[in-house]
């Protein structure tokens, strides 16, 4: 069995980022609720424990606490942010509200040349902070190994007790040498072995799915995007003919998408595919709805209703009892859907926030702990073609959240045509693979223009292209001006009803990738 590190989740939006960084070091990681018992971790044979950050204060009544026996497991424990404060609070130190909150970039000075966490790392370092409390007294036996302007105890070590803490977040890209610091914990302190790879994940999930569903049949909500396509391949490997894929044409698809899905999965992969034409039904439900969250929830609820209506027909032949989804980690954390998590809701996703309590199908979500790039690596491991895996992400609600305000068929048709031109030009220019995600947005506002010496009063289309590694943060893509000019000219000339094109130069945060 591979070396394993337990990550205890205290509600941080970076919990899975910690687990992901550990996996990037080829060490197996598993996330547990913060209240997991020390006995369970001992039975798992973990080589180390990481306590995540979180939005709570350790001084607040009812703040989440771990089983105190985790400090007696005999394995190293690393606390990050809230996790450091927990270690201090629970082992004889002291924590108090800071005079000023540290949020965002800060400067860290390494004060101990023999620190094991900072071995091979020279300061000062730019680190990412997000806290309002700080350690004011060290636990007995601990020593400070780094400081900031705001705290003399920004990093602590207790080699005898095998307890370590960082007030900043080493797991995020904004922290210099953060991965190096985590590697020091994994390999110099925990003595972990770099013996985990994506093929291990395939084996683990194949076994997990088989155990979860048994001989039952499974319906997969197949969109044709990267996530659901990888889930289809994974489930097909695990349960074969027990899988039936259901593709819902909700009228909010990209140009030619339904035909592509049918050709790929029914024709090429020979998977049992049921196509449901529900375009008119979805558009009718969305009539007059302008608020983004309402649209998302309507689309999500309608998806489930469609599957529930199709279920009796498929169940007669397959006995399906399970619904599989391509939920991935950014979907989960933005919807705060981690068990026992106190993370904040940013926006709901139809596959994690819109499922009714009385849903007749039980859920299978085998990739919910992975980021998009990890999903692609999994797809390669399963033998899927690269051109499928590197297709840009497409939201579950489809054009429903790319048509701002009310969704109308006319608006969707305009957007489909504009988006297809944008993507075609990105591919032709070589910029498609340089961006994480690119798409057009329909803005239901009319502006004055002039075409052929005549006044026009037509709609506005926005273009969005971003770069990212995991969709948790993103920056706008610096597309060449001549490319943007070519896209704009084509859209205005070829798409009836559009006379103006704009380009979005917002980053995430503070904006999100999608406009709604």
Protein backbone atom coordinates (compact mmCIF):
# COMPACT_ATOMS: atom_id res chain seq x y z
CA UNK A 1 0.00 0.00 0.00
CA UNK A 2 1.26 3.51 -0.87
CA UNK A 3 2.31 5.93 1.85
CA UNK A 4 -0.71 8.04 2.83
CA UNK A 5 -1.10 11.52 4.32
CA UNK A 6 -4.37 12.44 6.04
CA UNK A 7 -5.66 15.98 5.41
CA UNK A 8 -8.25 17.05 7.99
CA UNK A 9 -10.76 19.54 6.58
CA UNK A 10 -11.71 22.48 8.79
CA UNK A 11 -13.66 24.30 6.08
CA UNK A 12 -10.86 25.88 4.09
CA UNK A 13 -11.44 26.50 0.39
CA UNK A 14 -7.86 25.27 -0.05
CA UNK A 15 -8.25 21.89 1.64
CA UNK A 16 -8.29 19.97 -1.62
CA UNK A 17 -5.41 22.11 -2.89
CA UNK A 18 -3.34 20.72 0.00
CA UNK A 19 -4.29 17.17 -0.94
CA UNK A 20 -3.55 17.91 -4.57
CA UNK A 21 -0.07 19.28 -3.76
CA UNK A 22 0.66 16.11 -1.81
CA UNK A 23 -0.38 14.01 -4.82
CA UNK A 24 1.83 16.14 -7.05
CA UNK A 25 4.71 14.96 -4.88
CA UNK A 26 3.63 11.38 -5.74
CA UNK A 27 2.40 10.76 -2.21
CA UNK A 28 -1.11 9.44 -1.64
CA UNK A 29 -3.44 11.81 0.23
CA UNK A 30 -6.94 11.48 1.57
CA UNK A 31 -9.25 14.14 2.98
CA UNK A 32 -11.10 13.40 6.23
CA UNK A 33 -13.72 15.42 8.13
CA UNK A 34 -12.07 17.38 10.95
CA UNK A 35 -13.69 15.15 13.58
CA UNK A 36 -12.26 11.86 12.29
CA UNK A 37 -11.11 9.68 15.16
CA UNK A 38 -7.45 8.99 15.83
CA UNK A 39 -8.37 5.29 15.82
CA UNK A 40 -9.55 5.52 12.21
CA UNK A 41 -6.38 7.32 11.14
CA UNK A 42 -4.30 4.71 12.95
CA UNK A 43 -6.18 1.95 11.12
CA UNK A 44 -5.47 3.75 7.83
CA UNK A 45 -1.76 3.61 8.65
CA UNK A 46 -1.17 7.27 7.79
CA UNK A 47 2.41 8.54 7.75
CA UNK A 48 1.43 12.09 8.68
CA UNK A 49 -1.51 14.42 9.32
CA UNK A 50 -2.13 17.91 7.93
CA UNK A 51 -4.66 20.19 9.60
CA UNK A 52 -6.18 22.58 7.03
CA UNK A 53 -7.04 26.22 7.42
CA UNK A 54 -10.61 27.36 7.95
CA UNK A 55 -12.88 30.40 8.35
CA UNK A 56 -13.50 29.94 12.10
CA UNK A 57 -11.58 31.37 15.05
CA UNK A 58 -10.19 28.89 17.58
CA UNK A 59 -11.41 31.34 20.25
CA UNK A 60 -15.03 31.10 19.10
CA UNK A 61 -17.49 28.87 20.91
CA UNK A 62 -18.23 25.75 18.89
CA UNK A 63 -15.28 26.18 16.54
CA UNK A 64 -14.27 22.88 14.89
CA UNK A 65 -11.77 20.78 16.86
CA UNK A 66 -10.00 17.52 16.00
CA UNK A 67 -9.82 14.42 18.13
CA UNK A 68 -7.02 15.41 20.58
CA UNK A 69 -5.65 11.87 20.30
CA UNK A 70 -4.31 12.67 16.83
CA UNK A 71 -1.36 14.26 18.63
CA UNK A 72 -0.58 10.86 20.17
CA UNK A 73 -0.54 8.85 16.95
CA UNK A 74 3.24 8.96 16.78
CA UNK A 75 3.23 10.56 13.32
CA UNK A 76 4.07 14.18 12.40
CA UNK A 77 1.23 16.72 12.44
CA UNK A 78 1.40 19.91 10.35
CA UNK A 79 -1.06 22.72 11.03
CA UNK A 80 -1.72 25.31 8.32
CA UNK A 81 -3.22 28.69 9.32
CA UNK A 82 -6.22 27.67 11.48
CA UNK A 83 -4.41 24.33 11.90
CA UNK A 84 -1.39 26.06 13.47
CA UNK A 85 -3.66 27.97 15.83
CA UNK A 86 -5.36 24.71 16.82
CA UNK A 87 -2.02 23.13 17.66
CA UNK A 88 -1.12 26.10 19.87
CA UNK A 89 -4.56 26.26 21.51
CA UNK A 90 -4.74 22.51 22.22
CA UNK A 91 -1.16 21.88 23.35
CA UNK A 92 -0.49 24.63 25.89
CA UNK A 93 0.12 27.69 23.74
CA UNK A 94 -2.08 30.74 23.34
CA UNK A 95 -3.97 32.39 20.46
CA UNK A 96 -5.47 35.87 20.35
CA UNK A 97 -7.17 38.16 17.86
CA UNK A 98 -4.56 39.99 15.84
CA UNK A 99 -4.38 43.78 15.92
CA UNK A 100 -4.59 43.72 12.14
CA UNK A 101 -5.77 40.99 9.83
CA UNK A 102 -3.25 39.53 7.38
CA UNK A 103 -4.86 38.77 4.05
CA UNK A 104 -3.08 38.34 0.73
CA UNK A 105 0.63 38.59 0.04
CA UNK A 106 3.04 39.10 2.93
CA UNK A 107 6.73 38.79 3.66
CA UNK A 108 8.09 35.92 5.77
CA UNK A 109 11.54 35.88 7.37
CA UNK A 110 13.11 32.51 8.22
CA UNK A 111 14.71 32.86 11.65
CA UNK A 112 16.15 29.37 12.22
CA UNK A 113 18.93 28.12 9.95
CA UNK A 114 18.40 24.52 11.10
CA UNK A 115 14.64 24.43 10.47
CA UNK A 116 13.46 21.15 8.97
CA UNK A 117 10.43 22.75 7.29
CA UNK A 118 12.58 25.40 5.63
CA UNK A 119 15.55 23.21 4.73
CA UNK A 120 17.00 24.52 1.47
CA UNK A 121 14.70 27.57 1.53
CA UNK A 122 16.14 31.04 1.99
CA UNK A 123 14.11 34.07 2.99
CA UNK A 124 12.58 36.51 2.88
CA UNK A 125 9.69 34.78 1.13
CA UNK A 126 6.47 36.14 -0.33
CA UNK A 127 3.70 34.09 1.27
CA UNK A 128 -0.11 34.03 1.10
CA UNK A 129 -1.92 34.88 4.33
CA UNK A 130 -5.58 34.67 5.29
CA UNK A 131 -6.14 35.03 9.03
CA UNK A 132 -7.37 37.34 11.77
CA UNK A 133 -5.90 35.49 14.77
CA UNK A 134 -2.29 34.74 15.65
CA UNK A 135 -0.29 32.61 18.08
CA UNK A 136 0.82 34.75 21.05
CA UNK A 137 2.49 32.06 23.18
CA UNK A 138 4.26 28.93 22.00
CA UNK A 139 3.37 25.50 23.38
CA UNK A 140 6.02 24.09 25.69
CA UNK A 141 8.78 22.46 23.64
CA UNK A 142 7.98 24.36 20.43
CA UNK A 143 10.23 26.97 18.86
CA UNK A 144 9.60 29.69 16.30
CA UNK A 145 11.41 29.22 12.98
CA UNK A 146 9.91 32.08 10.92
CA UNK A 147 8.17 35.41 11.50
CA UNK A 148 6.25 38.18 9.74
CA UNK A 149 5.74 41.82 10.71
CA UNK A 150 2.52 40.79 12.38
CA UNK A 151 3.66 37.63 14.16
CA UNK A 152 6.85 36.33 15.73
CA UNK A 153 5.40 32.80 15.51
CA UNK A 154 4.51 32.53 11.80
CA UNK A 155 6.09 29.05 11.66
CA UNK A 156 6.82 26.71 14.57
CA UNK A 157 8.48 23.33 15.06
CA UNK A 158 8.55 20.78 17.87
CA UNK A 159 10.66 17.87 16.70
CA UNK A 160 10.26 15.91 19.95
CA UNK A 161 6.45 16.06 19.85
CA UNK A 162 6.46 15.90 16.01
CA UNK A 163 4.24 18.99 15.74
CA UNK A 164 4.74 21.68 13.11
CA UNK A 165 2.80 24.76 12.07
CA UNK A 166 2.63 27.43 9.37
CA UNK A 167 0.51 30.57 9.71
CA UNK A 168 0.56 31.09 5.93
CA UNK A 169 -0.69 28.84 3.10
CA UNK A 170 2.17 26.91 1.41
CA UNK A 171 -0.30 25.08 -0.85
CA UNK A 172 -1.30 28.09 -2.98
CA UNK A 173 0.68 29.28 -5.99
CA UNK A 174 1.14 32.74 -4.46
CA UNK A 175 3.53 31.39 -1.79
CA UNK A 176 7.17 31.22 -2.88
CA UNK A 177 8.72 27.77 -2.39
CA UNK A 178 5.47 26.52 -0.86
CA UNK A 179 5.79 23.13 -2.55
CA UNK A 180 9.38 22.85 -1.31
CA UNK A 181 8.19 23.45 2.25
CA UNK A 182 5.50 20.77 1.87
CA UNK A 183 8.06 18.38 0.35
CA UNK A 184 10.26 18.93 3.40
CA UNK A 185 7.35 17.94 5.62
CA UNK A 186 6.52 14.88 3.50
CA UNK A 187 9.99 13.51 2.90
CA UNK A 188 12.31 14.91 5.60
CA UNK A 189 9.82 14.79 8.48
CA UNK A 190 7.20 12.13 7.62
CA UNK A 191 9.67 9.98 5.65
CA UNK A 192 6.95 9.38 3.08
CA UNK A 193 7.66 7.43 -0.10
CA UNK A 194 6.93 8.89 -3.54
CA UNK A 195 5.04 5.79 -4.64
CA UNK A 196 1.66 7.15 -5.79
CA UNK A 197 0.69 7.87 -9.41
CA UNK A 198 -2.51 8.33 -11.43
CA UNK A 199 -2.69 4.63 -12.24
CA UNK A 200 -3.13 4.08 -8.49
CA UNK A 201 -6.14 6.39 -8.58
CA UNK A 202 -7.66 4.39 -11.45
CA UNK A 203 -7.32 1.17 -9.48
CA UNK A 204 -8.67 2.76 -6.30
CA UNK A 205 -11.72 4.24 -8.02
CA UNK A 206 -12.49 1.15 -10.09
CA UNK A 207 -12.55 -0.85 -6.86
CA UNK A 208 -14.53 1.85 -5.05
CA UNK A 209 -17.18 2.08 -7.79
CA UNK A 210 -17.58 -1.70 -7.94
CA UNK A 211 -18.02 -1.83 -4.18
CA UNK A 212 -20.42 1.12 -4.18
CA UNK A 213 -22.80 0.01 -6.93
CA UNK A 214 -22.38 -3.76 -6.84
CA UNK A 215 -24.29 -5.32 -9.71
CA UNK A 216 -26.65 -2.36 -10.10
CA UNK A 217 -26.83 -0.41 -13.33
CA UNK A 218 -25.71 3.20 -13.48
CA UNK A 219 -26.91 6.19 -15.50
CA UNK A 220 -24.29 8.78 -16.36
CA UNK A 221 -25.26 12.38 -17.02
CA UNK A 222 -23.07 12.74 -20.09
CA UNK A 223 -22.46 16.26 -21.40
CA UNK A 224 -19.64 15.45 -23.80
CA UNK A 225 -17.24 17.66 -21.84
CA UNK A 226 -13.96 16.55 -20.31
CA UNK A 227 -15.29 15.65 -16.87
CA UNK A 228 -18.26 13.50 -17.85
CA UNK A 229 -16.27 11.88 -20.69
CA UNK A 230 -13.55 10.78 -18.27
CA UNK A 231 -16.19 9.49 -15.85
CA UNK A 232 -17.75 7.52 -18.72
CA UNK A 233 -14.39 5.87 -19.48
CA UNK A 234 -13.72 5.19 -15.80
CA UNK A 235 -17.16 3.70 -15.17
CA UNK A 236 -16.99 1.68 -18.38
CA UNK A 237 -13.69 0.21 -17.13
CA UNK A 238 -15.24 -0.52 -13.73
CA UNK A 239 -18.70 -1.85 -14.60
CA UNK A 240 -18.86 -2.24 -18.39
CA UNK A 241 -22.38 -2.88 -19.66
CA UNK A 242 -23.91 -1.81 -16.35
CA UNK A 243 -23.40 1.76 -17.60
CA UNK A 244 -25.93 3.71 -19.66
CA UNK A 245 -25.09 7.28 -20.68
CA UNK A 246 -27.88 9.84 -20.89
CA UNK A 247 -27.31 12.98 -22.93
CA UNK A 248 -29.83 15.77 -22.48
CA UNK A 249 -30.12 18.33 -25.25
CA UNK A 250 -31.40 21.25 -23.19
CA UNK A 251 -31.17 23.75 -26.01
CA UNK A 252 -28.22 25.44 -24.29
CA UNK A 253 -25.44 23.61 -26.13
CA UNK A 254 -22.61 24.89 -28.29
CA UNK A 255 -22.90 24.73 -32.08
CA UNK A 256 -23.07 21.12 -33.37
CA UNK A 257 -22.48 19.65 -29.89
CA UNK A 258 -25.27 17.09 -29.89
CA UNK A 259 -24.09 15.60 -33.20
CA UNK A 260 -20.49 15.43 -31.92
CA UNK A 261 -21.54 13.59 -28.76
CA UNK A 262 -23.58 11.03 -30.66
CA UNK A 263 -20.75 10.37 -33.11
CA UNK A 264 -18.12 10.04 -30.39
CA UNK A 265 -19.86 7.94 -27.75
CA UNK A 266 -22.43 5.94 -29.67
CA UNK A 267 -20.35 5.56 -32.81
CA UNK A 268 -16.73 5.41 -31.64
CA UNK A 269 -16.91 4.12 -28.06
CA UNK A 270 -19.96 1.86 -28.58
CA UNK A 271 -21.42 2.96 -25.23
CA UNK A 272 -25.16 2.65 -24.73
CA UNK A 273 -26.31 6.25 -25.25
CA UNK A 274 -29.79 7.65 -24.73
CA UNK A 275 -30.39 11.15 -26.18
CA UNK A 276 -33.23 13.20 -24.74
CA UNK A 277 -34.43 16.24 -26.70
CA UNK A 278 -35.64 18.61 -23.98
CA UNK A 279 -34.72 21.98 -25.51
CA UNK A 280 -38.23 23.40 -25.59
CA UNK A 281 -38.87 22.23 -22.04
CA UNK A 282 -35.78 23.98 -20.59
CA UNK A 283 -36.36 27.20 -22.51
CA UNK A 284 -39.96 27.30 -21.31
CA UNK A 285 -38.85 26.86 -17.67
CA UNK A 286 -36.32 29.69 -18.05
CA UNK A 287 -38.78 32.13 -19.60
CA UNK A 288 -38.74 35.43 -17.71
CA UNK A 289 -35.98 34.31 -15.29
CA UNK A 290 -33.04 36.72 -15.05
CA UNK A 291 -31.32 36.02 -11.71
CA UNK A 292 -28.22 33.78 -12.22
CA UNK A 293 -28.71 31.55 -9.18
CA UNK A 294 -32.35 30.92 -10.06
CA UNK A 295 -31.32 29.95 -13.59
CA UNK A 296 -28.68 27.54 -12.29
CA UNK A 297 -31.08 25.90 -9.85
CA UNK A 298 -33.87 25.65 -12.45
CA UNK A 299 -31.51 24.02 -14.94
CA UNK A 300 -30.12 21.68 -12.28
CA UNK A 301 -33.55 20.68 -11.00
CA UNK A 302 -34.84 20.17 -14.55
CA UNK A 303 -31.87 17.94 -15.36
CA UNK A 304 -32.74 15.71 -12.46
CA UNK A 305 -36.42 15.67 -13.42
CA UNK A 306 -35.53 14.63 -16.96
CA UNK A 307 -33.40 11.78 -15.65
CA UNK A 308 -36.11 10.73 -13.21
CA UNK A 309 -38.66 10.67 -16.02
CA UNK A 310 -36.34 8.66 -18.25
CA UNK A 311 -35.43 6.32 -15.38
CA UNK A 312 -38.51 4.04 -15.57
CA UNK A 313 -37.91 3.41 -19.27
CA UNK A 314 -34.26 2.52 -18.78
CA UNK A 315 -34.86 0.69 -15.50
CA UNK A 316 -37.04 -1.91 -17.18
CA UNK A 317 -34.04 -3.12 -19.13
CA UNK A 318 -31.13 -2.20 -16.85
CA UNK A 319 -32.43 -1.91 -13.29
CA UNK A 320 -30.54 1.38 -12.89
CA UNK A 321 -30.37 2.71 -9.33
CA UNK A 322 -27.45 5.11 -9.57
CA UNK A 323 -26.77 8.48 -11.20
CA UNK A 324 -23.12 9.24 -12.03
CA UNK A 325 -21.84 12.79 -12.45
CA UNK A 326 -18.64 14.48 -13.54
CA UNK A 327 -18.43 16.67 -10.44
CA UNK A 328 -14.88 17.93 -9.83
CA UNK A 329 -13.33 19.79 -6.92
CA UNK A 330 -13.77 23.43 -8.04
CA UNK A 331 -17.53 22.66 -8.41
CA UNK A 332 -17.61 21.15 -4.93
CA UNK A 333 -15.74 23.87 -3.07
CA UNK A 334 -17.59 26.77 -4.74
CA UNK A 335 -20.83 25.11 -3.63
CA UNK A 336 -19.42 24.27 -0.15
CA UNK A 337 -20.49 20.65 -0.61
CA UNK A 338 -17.76 18.92 1.40
CA UNK A 339 -19.05 16.87 4.29
CA UNK A 340 -18.77 18.74 7.61
CA UNK A 341 -17.27 21.74 5.82
CA UNK A 342 -17.93 25.33 6.84
CA UNK A 343 -16.54 26.76 3.58
CA UNK A 344 -18.45 29.68 2.08
CA UNK A 345 -20.82 29.22 -0.88
CA UNK A 346 -19.64 31.18 -3.93
CA UNK A 347 -22.16 29.91 -6.49
CA UNK A 348 -24.20 26.75 -6.91
CA UNK A 349 -23.45 24.15 -9.56
CA UNK A 350 -26.27 22.07 -11.02
CA UNK A 351 -24.50 18.82 -10.16
CA UNK A 352 -23.76 19.68 -6.54
CA UNK A 353 -26.31 22.28 -5.50
CA UNK A 354 -29.53 21.56 -7.33
CA UNK A 355 -30.34 17.94 -6.44
CA UNK A 356 -33.71 17.49 -4.70
CA UNK A 357 -33.81 15.59 -1.42
CA UNK A 358 -36.33 13.09 -2.80
CA UNK A 359 -34.23 12.18 -5.85
CA UNK A 360 -34.83 8.55 -6.76
CA UNK A 361 -31.28 7.87 -7.93
CA UNK A 362 -28.26 7.55 -5.62
CA UNK A 363 -25.13 9.45 -6.61
CA UNK A 364 -21.77 8.21 -7.92
CA UNK A 365 -19.11 10.95 -8.21
CA UNK A 366 -15.74 9.24 -8.72
CA UNK A 367 -13.68 12.35 -9.63
CA UNK A 368 -15.06 14.88 -7.15
CA UNK A 369 -11.66 15.26 -5.42
CA UNK A 370 -9.72 16.07 -8.60
CA UNK A 371 -8.85 19.32 -10.34
CA UNK A 372 -9.28 19.74 -14.09
CA UNK A 373 -5.64 19.03 -14.97
CA UNK A 374 -5.76 15.88 -12.84
CA UNK A 375 -8.95 14.82 -14.64
CA UNK A 376 -7.10 15.17 -17.95
CA UNK A 377 -4.19 13.10 -16.62
CA UNK A 378 -6.72 10.46 -15.54
CA UNK A 379 -8.25 10.51 -19.02
CA UNK A 380 -4.85 9.88 -20.61
CA UNK A 381 -4.34 6.99 -18.20
CA UNK A 382 -7.69 5.58 -19.37
CA UNK A 383 -6.70 5.92 -23.03
CA UNK A 384 -8.93 8.83 -24.08
CA UNK A 385 -7.68 10.98 -27.01
CA UNK A 386 -5.86 14.19 -26.17
CA UNK A 387 -8.11 16.35 -28.36
CA UNK A 388 -11.08 15.33 -26.23
CA UNK A 389 -9.31 15.86 -22.93
CA UNK A 390 -7.95 19.30 -23.73
CA UNK A 391 -11.27 20.69 -24.86
CA UNK A 392 -12.10 23.77 -22.84
CA UNK A 393 -14.43 23.40 -19.82
CA UNK A 394 -18.11 24.02 -20.45
CA UNK A 395 -20.50 24.76 -17.55
CA UNK A 396 -23.25 22.30 -16.72
CA UNK A 397 -25.96 24.96 -17.24
CA UNK A 398 -24.42 25.58 -20.67
CA UNK A 399 -25.37 28.78 -22.46
CA UNK A 400 -27.89 29.40 -19.69
CA UNK A 401 -25.14 31.20 -17.74
CA UNK A 402 -23.50 32.73 -20.82
CA UNK A 403 -26.68 34.46 -21.93
CA UNK A 404 -26.95 37.21 -19.35
CA UNK A 405 -30.41 37.74 -17.93
CA UNK A 406 -33.37 36.01 -19.56
CA UNK A 407 -32.56 33.06 -21.81
CA UNK A 408 -34.27 33.11 -25.21
CA UNK A 409 -33.81 30.87 -28.24
CA UNK A 410 -32.86 33.92 -30.35
CA UNK A 411 -30.13 34.86 -27.87
CA UNK A 412 -28.78 31.30 -27.77
CA UNK A 413 -28.59 31.14 -31.57
CA UNK A 414 -26.64 34.40 -31.71
CA UNK A 415 -24.30 33.24 -28.96
CA UNK A 416 -23.70 29.82 -30.55
CA UNK A 417 -22.62 31.43 -33.81
CA UNK A 418 -20.38 34.01 -32.12
CA UNK A 419 -18.77 31.45 -29.83
CA UNK A 420 -18.03 29.09 -32.74
CA UNK A 421 -16.21 31.89 -34.58
CA UNK A 422 -14.15 32.75 -31.49
CA UNK A 423 -13.11 29.13 -30.90
CA UNK A 424 -12.35 28.57 -34.59
CA UNK A 425 -10.03 31.59 -34.68
CA UNK A 426 -8.32 30.54 -31.44
CA UNK A 427 -7.61 27.11 -32.90
CA UNK A 428 -6.39 28.51 -36.22
CA UNK A 429 -4.05 30.95 -34.49
CA UNK A 430 -2.65 28.38 -32.05
CA UNK A 431 -4.06 30.18 -29.02
CA UNK A 432 -6.70 27.60 -28.09
CA UNK A 433 -4.23 25.35 -26.26
CA UNK A 434 -2.58 28.36 -24.62
CA UNK A 435 -5.77 29.28 -22.79
CA UNK A 436 -7.53 27.36 -20.03
CA UNK A 437 -10.98 28.47 -21.11
CA UNK A 438 -12.40 30.77 -23.77
CA UNK A 439 -15.97 31.59 -24.71
CA UNK A 440 -18.38 34.26 -25.85
CA UNK A 441 -21.08 35.88 -23.69
CA UNK A 442 -24.37 37.32 -24.95
CA UNK A 443 -25.21 40.67 -23.38
CA UNK A 444 -28.87 41.64 -23.87
CA UNK A 445 -28.13 45.32 -24.32
CA UNK A 446 -28.33 47.12 -27.64
CA UNK A 447 -25.83 49.69 -28.81
CA UNK A 448 -25.80 52.07 -31.75
CA UNK A 449 -23.62 51.19 -34.70
CA UNK A 450 -23.22 51.91 -38.39
CA UNK A 451 -23.05 49.30 -41.15
CA UNK A 452 -23.20 50.14 -44.85
CA UNK A 453 -23.81 53.82 -44.05
CA UNK A 454 -26.94 52.81 -42.12
CA UNK A 455 -27.62 53.12 -38.41
CA UNK A 456 -27.85 49.83 -36.51
CA UNK A 457 -29.15 49.13 -33.04
CA UNK A 458 -28.02 45.62 -32.21
CA UNK A 459 -26.72 43.42 -29.41
CA UNK A 460 -23.38 43.23 -27.64
CA UNK A 461 -21.14 40.13 -27.40
CA UNK A 462 -18.42 39.76 -24.79
CA UNK A 463 -15.33 37.57 -25.22
CA UNK A 464 -13.66 35.84 -22.27
CA UNK A 465 -10.32 33.99 -22.39
CA UNK A 466 -8.37 33.05 -19.26
CA UNK A 467 -5.23 31.25 -18.20
CA UNK A 468 -5.18 29.00 -15.14
CA UNK A 469 -3.80 25.76 -13.73
CA UNK A 470 -6.69 24.58 -11.56
CA UNK A 471 -9.60 27.09 -11.99
CA UNK A 472 -9.26 28.19 -8.36
CA UNK A 473 -7.49 31.33 -9.60
CA UNK A 474 -7.32 32.68 -13.15
CA UNK A 475 -5.92 35.56 -15.16
CA UNK A 476 -7.18 37.05 -18.42
CA UNK A 477 -5.33 35.85 -21.50
CA UNK A 478 -3.25 38.45 -23.32
CA UNK A 479 -4.55 37.60 -26.78
CA UNK A 480 -2.87 39.41 -29.70
CA UNK A 481 -4.69 42.52 -30.89
CA UNK A 482 -4.82 41.28 -34.48
CA UNK A 483 -6.53 38.06 -33.31
CA UNK A 484 -9.12 40.00 -31.32
CA UNK A 485 -9.68 42.31 -34.27
CA UNK A 486 -10.22 39.34 -36.60
CA UNK A 487 -12.68 37.70 -34.20
CA UNK A 488 -14.57 40.96 -33.71
CA UNK A 489 -14.81 41.64 -37.44
CA UNK A 490 -16.05 38.15 -38.20
CA UNK A 491 -18.69 38.16 -35.46
CA UNK A 492 -20.04 41.58 -36.45
CA UNK A 493 -20.11 40.69 -40.14
CA UNK A 494 -21.27 37.06 -39.91
CA UNK A 495 -23.64 37.00 -36.93
CA UNK A 496 -26.87 38.82 -37.56
CA UNK A 497 -27.97 40.95 -34.62
CA UNK A 498 -24.51 41.89 -33.28
CA UNK A 499 -22.78 45.21 -33.88
CA UNK A 500 -20.28 45.42 -31.00
CA UNK A 501 -17.73 43.06 -29.39
CA UNK A 502 -15.88 43.62 -26.08
CA UNK A 503 -13.07 41.70 -24.33
CA UNK A 504 -13.11 40.86 -20.59
CA UNK A 505 -9.82 41.64 -18.78
CA UNK A 506 -10.92 40.64 -15.25
CA UNK A 507 -9.01 38.10 -13.14
CA UNK A 508 -10.31 35.52 -10.64
CA UNK A 509 -10.50 36.74 -7.93
CA UNK A 510 -12.26 39.15 -7.75
CA UNK A 511 -14.30 38.02 -10.78
CA UNK A 512 -15.28 34.42 -11.47
CA UNK A 513 -14.44 32.73 -14.75
CA UNK A 514 -18.05 32.61 -15.96
CA UNK A 515 -20.04 35.85 -16.02
CA UNK A 516 -22.94 34.26 -14.14
